[in-house]
Amino acid sequence: MRKHTDSQDEDRSLLRKVAKGDEAAFAELYDRYAPSAFGLACKICNNRALAEDVVQEAFVSIWQRAARFDPERGSAASYLMAAVHNKAVDAVRHEESLRRREEGVGDLPTETGPDDVVEAAWLGVRRTEVRAAVAKLSPIQREALELAYFEGLTYSEVANKLGIPLGTAKTRLRDGMIRLRGLLPALAPGDL
């Protein structure tokens, strides 16, 4: 019987080979983990076709980013399953966003009143101000904020997606928000 540590050593070795472009190692890694990756994706997505796409995207990501694997941060299996989990959550959020947009189109008012026009104009101005302020952030702060606030990722998911420690992700997000607060004009009490 094969020991658990032997399996982990083999997985780490396969990932190192994948990082160097070894297609045979990638195929072996895929054969080893695709069934459990598909099971996880199915559980999260609750849609077989979407789960298949998720597994494919996750393994493409692993092929492209195998060099980022750090055995000090966890096992190869957890690295692979985290990639699948992140892709599945992204896919579910994307599908939900599309569904909400499609449903929302039918709910649009047919007539607009003066208050609606004023609100739309105010939102347009504020949106322009926010975009300009976000553009002034450092690239690492901007990337973290976009993942958290525009893609809806949690701190942990931001850290995983960027390949950084959780504390670093939290710091980037906090510093970015503080900087944004300083860059944006203050809202008047009646603007809320």
N, C-alpha and C. Protein backbone atom coordinates (compact mmCIF):
# COMPACT_ATOMS: atom_id res chain seq x y z
N MET A 1 0.84 -1.19 0.00
CA MET A 1 0.00 0.00 0.00
C MET A 1 0.88 1.25 0.00
N ARG A 2 0.50 2.22 -0.83
CA ARG A 2 1.25 3.44 -0.97
C ARG A 2 0.97 4.39 0.20
N LYS A 3 2.02 4.99 0.76
CA LYS A 3 1.86 5.91 1.87
C LYS A 3 1.33 7.26 1.37
N HIS A 4 0.63 7.95 2.26
CA HIS A 4 0.07 9.25 1.94
C HIS A 4 1.18 10.26 1.58
N THR A 5 2.28 10.22 2.31
CA THR A 5 3.38 11.16 2.03
C THR A 5 4.02 10.88 0.68
N ASP A 6 4.06 9.58 0.29
CA ASP A 6 4.59 9.25 -1.04
C ASP A 6 3.73 9.89 -2.12
N SER A 7 2.42 9.82 -1.93
CA SER A 7 1.48 10.41 -2.89
C SER A 7 1.68 11.92 -2.96
N GLN A 8 1.85 12.56 -1.80
CA GLN A 8 2.06 14.01 -1.79
C GLN A 8 3.37 14.37 -2.48
N ASP A 9 4.42 13.57 -2.24
CA ASP A 9 5.70 13.81 -2.89
C ASP A 9 5.56 13.68 -4.41
N GLU A 10 4.82 12.66 -4.85
CA GLU A 10 4.61 12.47 -6.29
C GLU A 10 3.85 13.66 -6.89
N ASP A 11 2.82 14.12 -6.16
CA ASP A 11 2.04 15.27 -6.65
C ASP A 11 2.90 16.51 -6.76
N ARG A 12 3.73 16.77 -5.75
CA ARG A 12 4.62 17.93 -5.81
C ARG A 12 5.58 17.82 -6.99
N SER A 13 6.09 16.61 -7.19
CA SER A 13 7.00 16.38 -8.31
C SER A 13 6.29 16.62 -9.64
N LEU A 14 5.05 16.15 -9.74
CA LEU A 14 4.29 16.36 -10.98
C LEU A 14 4.07 17.85 -11.23
N LEU A 15 3.73 18.59 -10.19
CA LEU A 15 3.51 20.03 -10.36
C LEU A 15 4.79 20.75 -10.77
N ARG A 16 5.93 20.33 -10.22
CA ARG A 16 7.20 20.93 -10.64
C ARG A 16 7.45 20.66 -12.12
N LYS A 17 7.13 19.45 -12.56
CA LYS A 17 7.32 19.11 -13.98
C LYS A 17 6.34 19.90 -14.86
N VAL A 18 5.11 20.03 -14.38
CA VAL A 18 4.11 20.80 -15.14
C VAL A 18 4.59 22.25 -15.29
N ALA A 19 5.17 22.79 -14.23
CA ALA A 19 5.68 24.17 -14.28
C ALA A 19 6.75 24.32 -15.36
N LYS A 20 7.42 23.22 -15.69
CA LYS A 20 8.45 23.26 -16.74
C LYS A 20 7.90 22.89 -18.11
N GLY A 21 6.58 22.67 -18.18
CA GLY A 21 5.95 22.39 -19.47
C GLY A 21 5.83 20.92 -19.83
N ASP A 22 5.97 20.03 -18.86
CA ASP A 22 5.90 18.59 -19.10
C ASP A 22 4.44 18.15 -19.28
N GLU A 23 4.06 17.86 -20.52
CA GLU A 23 2.69 17.49 -20.83
C GLU A 23 2.30 16.13 -20.25
N ALA A 24 3.23 15.20 -20.19
CA ALA A 24 2.94 13.88 -19.62
C ALA A 24 2.64 14.00 -18.13
N ALA A 25 3.38 14.85 -17.44
CA ALA A 25 3.13 15.07 -16.01
C ALA A 25 1.76 15.72 -15.82
N PHE A 26 1.43 16.65 -16.71
CA PHE A 26 0.12 17.30 -16.63
C PHE A 26 -1.00 16.28 -16.84
N ALA A 27 -0.82 15.40 -17.82
CA ALA A 27 -1.83 14.37 -18.09
C ALA A 27 -2.01 13.45 -16.88
N GLU A 28 -0.91 13.09 -16.24
CA GLU A 28 -0.99 12.23 -15.06
C GLU A 28 -1.69 12.96 -13.91
N LEU A 29 -1.38 14.22 -13.73
CA LEU A 29 -2.03 15.02 -12.69
C LEU A 29 -3.53 15.12 -12.98
N TYR A 30 -3.87 15.33 -14.24
CA TYR A 30 -5.27 15.42 -14.63
C TYR A 30 -5.99 14.10 -14.35
N ASP A 31 -5.38 13.00 -14.76
CA ASP A 31 -6.00 11.70 -14.53
C ASP A 31 -6.22 11.43 -13.04
N ARG A 32 -5.29 11.89 -12.23
CA ARG A 32 -5.37 11.69 -10.79
C ARG A 32 -6.48 12.50 -10.14
N TYR A 33 -6.63 13.75 -10.57
CA TYR A 33 -7.51 14.67 -9.86
C TYR A 33 -8.79 15.09 -10.59
N ALA A 34 -8.92 14.78 -11.85
CA ALA A 34 -10.11 15.22 -12.59
C ALA A 34 -11.41 14.69 -11.99
N PRO A 35 -11.48 13.42 -11.58
CA PRO A 35 -12.75 12.95 -11.02
C PRO A 35 -13.17 13.71 -9.75
N SER A 36 -12.24 13.92 -8.83
CA SER A 36 -12.61 14.64 -7.61
C SER A 36 -12.85 16.12 -7.91
N ALA A 37 -12.11 16.68 -8.87
CA ALA A 37 -12.31 18.07 -9.27
C ALA A 37 -13.71 18.24 -9.87
N PHE A 38 -14.10 17.28 -10.69
CA PHE A 38 -15.43 17.34 -11.30
C PHE A 38 -16.51 17.21 -10.24
N GLY A 39 -16.30 16.33 -9.27
CA GLY A 39 -17.27 16.17 -8.18
C GLY A 39 -17.44 17.46 -7.40
N LEU A 40 -16.33 18.12 -7.08
CA LEU A 40 -16.39 19.39 -6.36
C LEU A 40 -17.10 20.45 -7.20
N ALA A 41 -16.75 20.53 -8.47
CA ALA A 41 -17.37 21.53 -9.35
C ALA A 41 -18.87 21.28 -9.48
N CYS A 42 -19.28 20.02 -9.59
CA CYS A 42 -20.70 19.69 -9.68
C CYS A 42 -21.45 20.12 -8.42
N LYS A 43 -20.81 19.88 -7.29
CA LYS A 43 -21.44 20.22 -6.01
C LYS A 43 -21.64 21.74 -5.90
N ILE A 44 -20.66 22.52 -6.33
CA ILE A 44 -20.76 23.97 -6.23
C ILE A 44 -21.68 24.55 -7.30
N CYS A 45 -21.53 24.06 -8.53
CA CYS A 45 -22.27 24.64 -9.66
C CYS A 45 -23.69 24.12 -9.78
N ASN A 46 -23.91 22.90 -9.34
CA ASN A 46 -25.22 22.26 -9.47
C ASN A 46 -25.67 22.22 -10.94
N ASN A 47 -24.69 22.09 -11.83
CA ASN A 47 -24.96 22.07 -13.27
C ASN A 47 -23.80 21.33 -13.93
N ARG A 48 -24.09 20.18 -14.49
CA ARG A 48 -23.04 19.31 -15.03
C ARG A 48 -22.20 19.98 -16.13
N ALA A 49 -22.87 20.65 -17.07
CA ALA A 49 -22.15 21.30 -18.17
C ALA A 49 -21.25 22.42 -17.66
N LEU A 50 -21.77 23.20 -16.72
CA LEU A 50 -20.97 24.28 -16.14
C LEU A 50 -19.79 23.69 -15.37
N ALA A 51 -20.01 22.59 -14.66
CA ALA A 51 -18.94 21.95 -13.90
C ALA A 51 -17.83 21.45 -14.84
N GLU A 52 -18.21 20.92 -15.99
CA GLU A 52 -17.21 20.47 -16.97
C GLU A 52 -16.34 21.65 -17.42
N ASP A 53 -16.99 22.77 -17.71
CA ASP A 53 -16.25 23.97 -18.11
C ASP A 53 -15.32 24.45 -17.00
N VAL A 54 -15.81 24.39 -15.77
CA VAL A 54 -15.03 24.83 -14.61
C VAL A 54 -13.77 23.98 -14.47
N VAL A 55 -13.92 22.66 -14.59
CA VAL A 55 -12.76 21.77 -14.45
C VAL A 55 -11.75 22.06 -15.56
N GLN A 56 -12.23 22.26 -16.76
CA GLN A 56 -11.33 22.58 -17.86
C GLN A 56 -10.58 23.88 -17.58
N GLU A 57 -11.31 24.92 -17.17
CA GLU A 57 -10.67 26.20 -16.88
C GLU A 57 -9.67 26.08 -15.73
N ALA A 58 -10.02 25.31 -14.72
CA ALA A 58 -9.14 25.14 -13.56
C ALA A 58 -7.84 24.47 -13.98
N PHE A 59 -7.94 23.43 -14.79
CA PHE A 59 -6.72 22.74 -15.21
C PHE A 59 -5.88 23.58 -16.18
N VAL A 60 -6.53 24.39 -16.99
CA VAL A 60 -5.77 25.32 -17.84
C VAL A 60 -5.01 26.29 -16.95
N SER A 61 -5.69 26.78 -15.92
CA SER A 61 -5.05 27.70 -14.98
C SER A 61 -3.87 27.02 -14.28
N ILE A 62 -4.05 25.77 -13.90
CA ILE A 62 -2.97 25.02 -13.24
C ILE A 62 -1.79 24.86 -14.20
N TRP A 63 -2.08 24.57 -15.45
CA TRP A 63 -1.02 24.43 -16.46
C TRP A 63 -0.23 25.73 -16.56
N GLN A 64 -0.94 26.85 -16.57
CA GLN A 64 -0.30 28.15 -16.74
C GLN A 64 0.41 28.64 -15.48
N ARG A 65 -0.06 28.20 -14.31
CA ARG A 65 0.45 28.78 -13.06
C ARG A 65 1.04 27.75 -12.10
N ALA A 66 1.43 26.62 -12.59
CA ALA A 66 1.98 25.58 -11.72
C ALA A 66 3.22 26.06 -10.97
N ALA A 67 3.94 26.99 -11.55
CA ALA A 67 5.15 27.50 -10.89
C ALA A 67 4.83 28.26 -9.61
N ARG A 68 3.58 28.71 -9.46
CA ARG A 68 3.19 29.44 -8.24
C ARG A 68 2.93 28.51 -7.06
N PHE A 69 2.86 27.22 -7.31
CA PHE A 69 2.59 26.29 -6.22
C PHE A 69 3.71 26.36 -5.18
N ASP A 70 3.30 26.54 -3.92
CA ASP A 70 4.25 26.62 -2.81
C ASP A 70 3.92 25.49 -1.84
N PRO A 71 4.75 24.44 -1.79
CA PRO A 71 4.46 23.31 -0.91
C PRO A 71 4.44 23.69 0.57
N GLU A 72 5.00 24.83 0.92
CA GLU A 72 4.98 25.28 2.31
C GLU A 72 3.58 25.73 2.73
N ARG A 73 2.75 26.10 1.74
CA ARG A 73 1.41 26.63 2.04
C ARG A 73 0.34 25.55 2.01
N GLY A 74 0.68 24.34 1.59
CA GLY A 74 -0.31 23.28 1.55
C GLY A 74 0.06 22.21 0.54
N SER A 75 -0.76 21.20 0.49
CA SER A 75 -0.49 20.07 -0.41
C SER A 75 -0.87 20.43 -1.84
N ALA A 76 -0.37 19.62 -2.75
CA ALA A 76 -0.71 19.79 -4.16
C ALA A 76 -2.21 19.58 -4.37
N ALA A 77 -2.77 18.61 -3.65
CA ALA A 77 -4.20 18.34 -3.77
C ALA A 77 -5.02 19.56 -3.35
N SER A 78 -4.64 20.21 -2.25
CA SER A 78 -5.39 21.39 -1.80
C SER A 78 -5.21 22.54 -2.79
N TYR A 79 -4.02 22.66 -3.38
CA TYR A 79 -3.77 23.69 -4.39
C TYR A 79 -4.70 23.46 -5.60
N LEU A 80 -4.79 22.22 -6.05
CA LEU A 80 -5.62 21.89 -7.20
C LEU A 80 -7.10 22.11 -6.90
N MET A 81 -7.53 21.66 -5.73
CA MET A 81 -8.95 21.78 -5.38
C MET A 81 -9.32 23.25 -5.12
N ALA A 82 -8.38 24.04 -4.62
CA ALA A 82 -8.65 25.48 -4.44
C ALA A 82 -8.85 26.14 -5.80
N ALA A 83 -8.06 25.75 -6.79
CA ALA A 83 -8.22 26.30 -8.13
C ALA A 83 -9.60 25.95 -8.69
N VAL A 84 -10.03 24.71 -8.49
CA VAL A 84 -11.35 24.28 -8.95
C VAL A 84 -12.43 25.05 -8.21
N HIS A 85 -12.28 25.14 -6.89
CA HIS A 85 -13.27 25.86 -6.07
C HIS A 85 -13.41 27.31 -6.54
N ASN A 86 -12.28 27.99 -6.73
CA ASN A 86 -12.33 29.39 -7.14
C ASN A 86 -13.00 29.56 -8.50
N LYS A 87 -12.64 28.69 -9.44
CA LYS A 87 -13.26 28.77 -10.78
C LYS A 87 -14.76 28.47 -10.70
N ALA A 88 -15.15 27.52 -9.86
CA ALA A 88 -16.57 27.17 -9.73
C ALA A 88 -17.36 28.33 -9.12
N VAL A 89 -16.82 28.93 -8.09
CA VAL A 89 -17.50 30.06 -7.46
C VAL A 89 -17.61 31.22 -8.45
N ASP A 90 -16.54 31.49 -9.18
CA ASP A 90 -16.58 32.54 -10.21
C ASP A 90 -17.67 32.23 -11.24
N ALA A 91 -17.76 30.99 -11.67
CA ALA A 91 -18.74 30.60 -12.68
C ALA A 91 -20.16 30.76 -12.16
N VAL A 92 -20.39 30.35 -10.92
CA VAL A 92 -21.73 30.47 -10.33
C VAL A 92 -22.11 31.95 -10.21
N ARG A 93 -21.17 32.76 -9.75
CA ARG A 93 -21.44 34.20 -9.62
C ARG A 93 -21.73 34.82 -10.98
N HIS A 94 -20.96 34.41 -11.98
CA HIS A 94 -21.17 34.93 -13.33
C HIS A 94 -22.55 34.55 -13.85
N GLU A 95 -22.92 33.30 -13.68
CA GLU A 95 -24.23 32.83 -14.13
C GLU A 95 -25.35 33.57 -13.40
N GLU A 96 -25.19 33.77 -12.10
CA GLU A 96 -26.19 34.48 -11.32
C GLU A 96 -26.30 35.93 -11.77
N SER A 97 -25.17 36.55 -12.06
CA SER A 97 -25.17 37.93 -12.54
C SER A 97 -25.90 38.03 -13.88
N LEU A 98 -25.63 37.09 -14.78
CA LEU A 98 -26.33 37.08 -16.07
C LEU A 98 -27.84 36.90 -15.88
N ARG A 99 -28.19 36.00 -14.99
CA ARG A 99 -29.62 35.73 -14.74
C ARG A 99 -30.30 36.99 -14.20
N ARG A 100 -29.65 37.67 -13.24
CA ARG A 100 -30.24 38.88 -12.67
C ARG A 100 -30.38 39.97 -13.72
N ARG A 101 -29.37 40.11 -14.59
CA ARG A 101 -29.46 41.12 -15.64
C ARG A 101 -30.61 40.84 -16.59
N GLU A 102 -30.76 39.57 -16.97
CA GLU A 102 -31.83 39.21 -17.88
C GLU A 102 -33.20 39.43 -17.25
N GLU A 103 -33.32 39.09 -15.97
CA GLU A 103 -34.59 39.32 -15.28
C GLU A 103 -34.85 40.80 -15.09
N GLY A 104 -33.80 41.57 -14.83
CA GLY A 104 -33.94 42.99 -14.56
C GLY A 104 -34.38 43.80 -15.76
N VAL A 105 -34.10 43.33 -16.96
CA VAL A 105 -34.48 44.06 -18.17
C VAL A 105 -35.98 44.21 -18.25
N GLY A 106 -36.72 43.23 -17.85
CA GLY A 106 -38.19 43.30 -17.88
C GLY A 106 -38.74 44.20 -16.80
N ASP A 107 -37.96 44.51 -15.78
CA ASP A 107 -38.42 45.33 -14.67
C ASP A 107 -38.15 46.81 -14.85
N LEU A 108 -37.52 47.20 -15.96
CA LEU A 108 -37.19 48.60 -16.16
C LEU A 108 -38.45 49.43 -16.32
N PRO A 109 -38.49 50.58 -15.69
CA PRO A 109 -39.68 51.43 -15.83
C PRO A 109 -39.78 51.97 -17.26
N THR A 110 -40.99 52.12 -17.72
CA THR A 110 -41.18 52.61 -19.09
C THR A 110 -41.15 54.13 -19.13
N GLU A 111 -41.51 54.80 -18.04
CA GLU A 111 -41.46 56.25 -17.99
C GLU A 111 -40.51 56.67 -16.88
N THR A 112 -39.84 57.78 -17.12
CA THR A 112 -38.96 58.30 -16.08
C THR A 112 -39.45 59.67 -15.67
N GLY A 113 -39.40 59.92 -14.39
CA GLY A 113 -39.80 61.23 -13.86
C GLY A 113 -38.58 62.08 -13.64
N PRO A 114 -38.79 63.32 -13.22
CA PRO A 114 -37.66 64.23 -12.99
C PRO A 114 -36.69 63.71 -11.94
N ASP A 115 -37.21 63.04 -10.91
CA ASP A 115 -36.33 62.50 -9.87
C ASP A 115 -35.42 61.42 -10.44
N ASP A 116 -35.96 60.61 -11.34
CA ASP A 116 -35.16 59.55 -11.96
C ASP A 116 -34.04 60.13 -12.81
N VAL A 117 -34.31 61.20 -13.51
CA VAL A 117 -33.30 61.85 -14.36
C VAL A 117 -32.20 62.45 -13.50
N VAL A 118 -32.59 63.11 -12.42
CA VAL A 118 -31.61 63.72 -11.51
C VAL A 118 -30.74 62.63 -10.89
N GLU A 119 -31.38 61.56 -10.44
CA GLU A 119 -30.63 60.45 -9.83
C GLU A 119 -29.68 59.82 -10.84
N ALA A 120 -30.13 59.61 -12.06
CA ALA A 120 -29.27 59.01 -13.08
C ALA A 120 -28.08 59.92 -13.39
N ALA A 121 -28.31 61.22 -13.43
CA ALA A 121 -27.22 62.16 -13.69
C ALA A 121 -26.22 62.14 -12.52
N TRP A 122 -26.74 62.16 -11.30
CA TRP A 122 -25.87 62.13 -10.12
C TRP A 122 -25.04 60.85 -10.10
N LEU A 123 -25.68 59.70 -10.39
CA LEU A 123 -24.95 58.44 -10.42
C LEU A 123 -23.89 58.44 -11.51
N GLY A 124 -24.18 59.03 -12.65
CA GLY A 124 -23.20 59.11 -13.72
C GLY A 124 -21.98 59.92 -13.32
N VAL A 125 -22.21 61.05 -12.66
CA VAL A 125 -21.10 61.88 -12.18
C VAL A 125 -20.30 61.12 -11.14
N ARG A 126 -20.99 60.50 -10.20
CA ARG A 126 -20.30 59.76 -9.12
C ARG A 126 -19.50 58.60 -9.71
N ARG A 127 -20.07 57.90 -10.69
CA ARG A 127 -19.38 56.79 -11.33
C ARG A 127 -18.08 57.26 -11.99
N THR A 128 -18.14 58.42 -12.64
CA THR A 128 -16.95 58.99 -13.27
C THR A 128 -15.89 59.33 -12.22
N GLU A 129 -16.32 59.89 -11.09
CA GLU A 129 -15.40 60.23 -10.01
C GLU A 129 -14.74 58.97 -9.44
N VAL A 130 -15.53 57.93 -9.26
CA VAL A 130 -15.00 56.68 -8.71
C VAL A 130 -13.99 56.07 -9.67
N ARG A 131 -14.32 56.03 -10.95
CA ARG A 131 -13.38 55.48 -11.94
C ARG A 131 -12.06 56.24 -11.94
N ALA A 132 -12.14 57.57 -11.89
CA ALA A 132 -10.93 58.39 -11.88
C ALA A 132 -10.11 58.12 -10.63
N ALA A 133 -10.78 57.96 -9.48
CA ALA A 133 -10.07 57.69 -8.23
C ALA A 133 -9.43 56.30 -8.27
N VAL A 134 -10.15 55.31 -8.77
CA VAL A 134 -9.61 53.94 -8.85
C VAL A 134 -8.39 53.92 -9.76
N ALA A 135 -8.41 54.71 -10.82
CA ALA A 135 -7.27 54.75 -11.75
C ALA A 135 -6.01 55.31 -11.07
N LYS A 136 -6.18 56.07 -10.00
CA LYS A 136 -5.04 56.66 -9.30
C LYS A 136 -4.44 55.72 -8.25
N LEU A 137 -5.10 54.59 -7.99
CA LEU A 137 -4.56 53.62 -7.02
C LEU A 137 -3.34 52.92 -7.61
N SER A 138 -2.54 52.34 -6.74
CA SER A 138 -1.42 51.53 -7.24
C SER A 138 -2.01 50.30 -7.92
N PRO A 139 -1.30 49.70 -8.87
CA PRO A 139 -1.83 48.53 -9.57
C PRO A 139 -2.21 47.39 -8.63
N ILE A 140 -1.44 47.17 -7.57
CA ILE A 140 -1.77 46.06 -6.67
C ILE A 140 -3.01 46.36 -5.85
N GLN A 141 -3.21 47.62 -5.45
CA GLN A 141 -4.43 47.98 -4.73
C GLN A 141 -5.63 47.89 -5.66
N ARG A 142 -5.48 48.40 -6.88
CA ARG A 142 -6.57 48.40 -7.85
C ARG A 142 -7.01 46.96 -8.15
N GLU A 143 -6.04 46.07 -8.37
CA GLU A 143 -6.36 44.68 -8.69
C GLU A 143 -7.13 44.02 -7.55
N ALA A 144 -6.68 44.23 -6.31
CA ALA A 144 -7.35 43.63 -5.15
C ALA A 144 -8.77 44.18 -5.00
N LEU A 145 -8.93 45.49 -5.14
CA LEU A 145 -10.26 46.09 -5.01
C LEU A 145 -11.21 45.64 -6.12
N GLU A 146 -10.69 45.53 -7.34
CA GLU A 146 -11.55 45.07 -8.44
C GLU A 146 -12.03 43.65 -8.19
N LEU A 147 -11.14 42.80 -7.69
CA LEU A 147 -11.54 41.42 -7.41
C LEU A 147 -12.59 41.37 -6.30
N ALA A 148 -12.38 42.16 -5.25
CA ALA A 148 -13.30 42.12 -4.11
C ALA A 148 -14.63 42.79 -4.41
N TYR A 149 -14.60 43.96 -5.02
CA TYR A 149 -15.83 44.73 -5.15
C TYR A 149 -16.53 44.59 -6.49
N PHE A 150 -15.79 44.32 -7.56
CA PHE A 150 -16.44 44.17 -8.85
C PHE A 150 -16.72 42.72 -9.18
N GLU A 151 -15.87 41.81 -8.69
CA GLU A 151 -16.11 40.39 -8.93
C GLU A 151 -16.74 39.71 -7.72
N GLY A 152 -16.81 40.40 -6.60
CA GLY A 152 -17.49 39.88 -5.42
C GLY A 152 -16.73 38.80 -4.66
N LEU A 153 -15.40 38.79 -4.77
CA LEU A 153 -14.62 37.76 -4.09
C LEU A 153 -14.41 38.12 -2.62
N THR A 154 -14.28 37.10 -1.78
CA THR A 154 -13.98 37.30 -0.37
C THR A 154 -12.49 37.59 -0.21
N TYR A 155 -12.08 37.98 1.02
CA TYR A 155 -10.66 38.19 1.27
C TYR A 155 -9.85 36.95 0.90
N SER A 156 -10.31 35.79 1.34
CA SER A 156 -9.59 34.54 1.07
C SER A 156 -9.50 34.27 -0.43
N GLU A 157 -10.59 34.51 -1.12
CA GLU A 157 -10.60 34.27 -2.56
C GLU A 157 -9.68 35.24 -3.29
N VAL A 158 -9.63 36.49 -2.83
CA VAL A 158 -8.71 37.46 -3.42
C VAL A 158 -7.27 36.99 -3.20
N ALA A 159 -6.98 36.55 -1.97
CA ALA A 159 -5.63 36.07 -1.66
C ALA A 159 -5.27 34.88 -2.55
N ASN A 160 -6.18 33.92 -2.69
CA ASN A 160 -5.92 32.74 -3.53
C ASN A 160 -5.73 33.13 -4.98
N LYS A 161 -6.59 33.99 -5.48
CA LYS A 161 -6.52 34.37 -6.89
C LYS A 161 -5.22 35.11 -7.21
N LEU A 162 -4.75 35.92 -6.25
CA LEU A 162 -3.52 36.67 -6.47
C LEU A 162 -2.28 35.89 -6.04
N GLY A 163 -2.48 34.76 -5.36
CA GLY A 163 -1.35 33.96 -4.90
C GLY A 163 -0.56 34.66 -3.79
N ILE A 164 -1.28 35.35 -2.91
CA ILE A 164 -0.63 36.08 -1.81
C ILE A 164 -1.23 35.63 -0.49
N PRO A 165 -0.54 35.88 0.62
CA PRO A 165 -1.11 35.53 1.92
C PRO A 165 -2.38 36.35 2.22
N LEU A 166 -3.25 35.79 3.04
CA LEU A 166 -4.52 36.44 3.39
C LEU A 166 -4.28 37.82 3.99
N GLY A 167 -3.32 37.93 4.89
CA GLY A 167 -3.03 39.22 5.52
C GLY A 167 -2.61 40.28 4.52
N THR A 168 -1.86 39.89 3.52
CA THR A 168 -1.44 40.82 2.47
C THR A 168 -2.64 41.29 1.67
N ALA A 169 -3.55 40.37 1.36
CA ALA A 169 -4.76 40.74 0.62
C ALA A 169 -5.59 41.74 1.43
N LYS A 170 -5.74 41.48 2.73
CA LYS A 170 -6.51 42.40 3.58
C LYS A 170 -5.85 43.77 3.64
N THR A 171 -4.54 43.80 3.73
CA THR A 171 -3.81 45.06 3.78
C THR A 171 -3.99 45.84 2.48
N ARG A 172 -3.88 45.16 1.35
CA ARG A 172 -4.05 45.85 0.06
C ARG A 172 -5.45 46.43 -0.06
N LEU A 173 -6.44 45.66 0.37
CA LEU A 173 -7.82 46.14 0.28
C LEU A 173 -8.05 47.33 1.22
N ARG A 174 -7.55 47.23 2.45
CA ARG A 174 -7.72 48.31 3.42
C ARG A 174 -7.02 49.58 2.92
N ASP A 175 -5.76 49.43 2.49
CA ASP A 175 -5.00 50.59 2.01
C ASP A 175 -5.66 51.21 0.78
N GLY A 176 -6.17 50.37 -0.10
CA GLY A 176 -6.86 50.87 -1.29
C GLY A 176 -8.11 51.65 -0.93
N MET A 177 -8.88 51.16 0.05
CA MET A 177 -10.10 51.84 0.46
C MET A 177 -9.77 53.18 1.14
N ILE A 178 -8.72 53.18 1.95
CA ILE A 178 -8.30 54.43 2.61
C ILE A 178 -7.88 55.45 1.56
N ARG A 179 -7.12 55.00 0.59
CA ARG A 179 -6.67 55.91 -0.48
C ARG A 179 -7.86 56.41 -1.29
N LEU A 180 -8.81 55.52 -1.60
CA LEU A 180 -10.01 55.94 -2.34
C LEU A 180 -10.79 56.99 -1.57
N ARG A 181 -10.93 56.77 -0.27
CA ARG A 181 -11.66 57.73 0.56
C ARG A 181 -11.03 59.12 0.45
N GLY A 182 -9.71 59.16 0.42
CA GLY A 182 -9.02 60.43 0.29
C GLY A 182 -9.14 61.04 -1.09
N LEU A 183 -9.30 60.22 -2.11
CA LEU A 183 -9.36 60.71 -3.49
C LEU A 183 -10.76 61.15 -3.91
N LEU A 184 -11.79 60.60 -3.26
CA LEU A 184 -13.17 60.91 -3.65
C LEU A 184 -13.69 62.11 -2.88
N PRO A 185 -14.41 62.99 -3.58
CA PRO A 185 -15.04 64.11 -2.87
C PRO A 185 -16.05 63.55 -1.86
N ALA A 186 -16.14 64.19 -0.72
CA ALA A 186 -17.07 63.74 0.32
C ALA A 186 -18.51 63.92 -0.15
N LEU A 187 -19.37 63.01 0.27
CA LEU A 187 -20.79 63.12 -0.03
C LEU A 187 -21.44 64.07 0.97
N ALA A 188 -22.34 64.88 0.48
CA ALA A 188 -23.12 65.72 1.37
C ALA A 188 -24.13 64.83 2.08
N PRO A 189 -24.59 65.19 3.30
CA PRO A 189 -25.53 64.33 4.01
C PRO A 189 -26.77 63.97 3.20
N GLY A 190 -27.27 64.89 2.38
CA GLY A 190 -28.47 64.60 1.59
C GLY A 190 -28.21 63.72 0.39
N ASP A 191 -26.94 63.45 0.05
CA ASP A 191 -26.61 62.64 -1.13
C ASP A 191 -26.77 61.16 -0.89
N LEU A 192 -26.87 60.75 0.36
CA LEU A 192 -26.99 59.33 0.67
C LEU A 192 -28.39 58.92 0.46
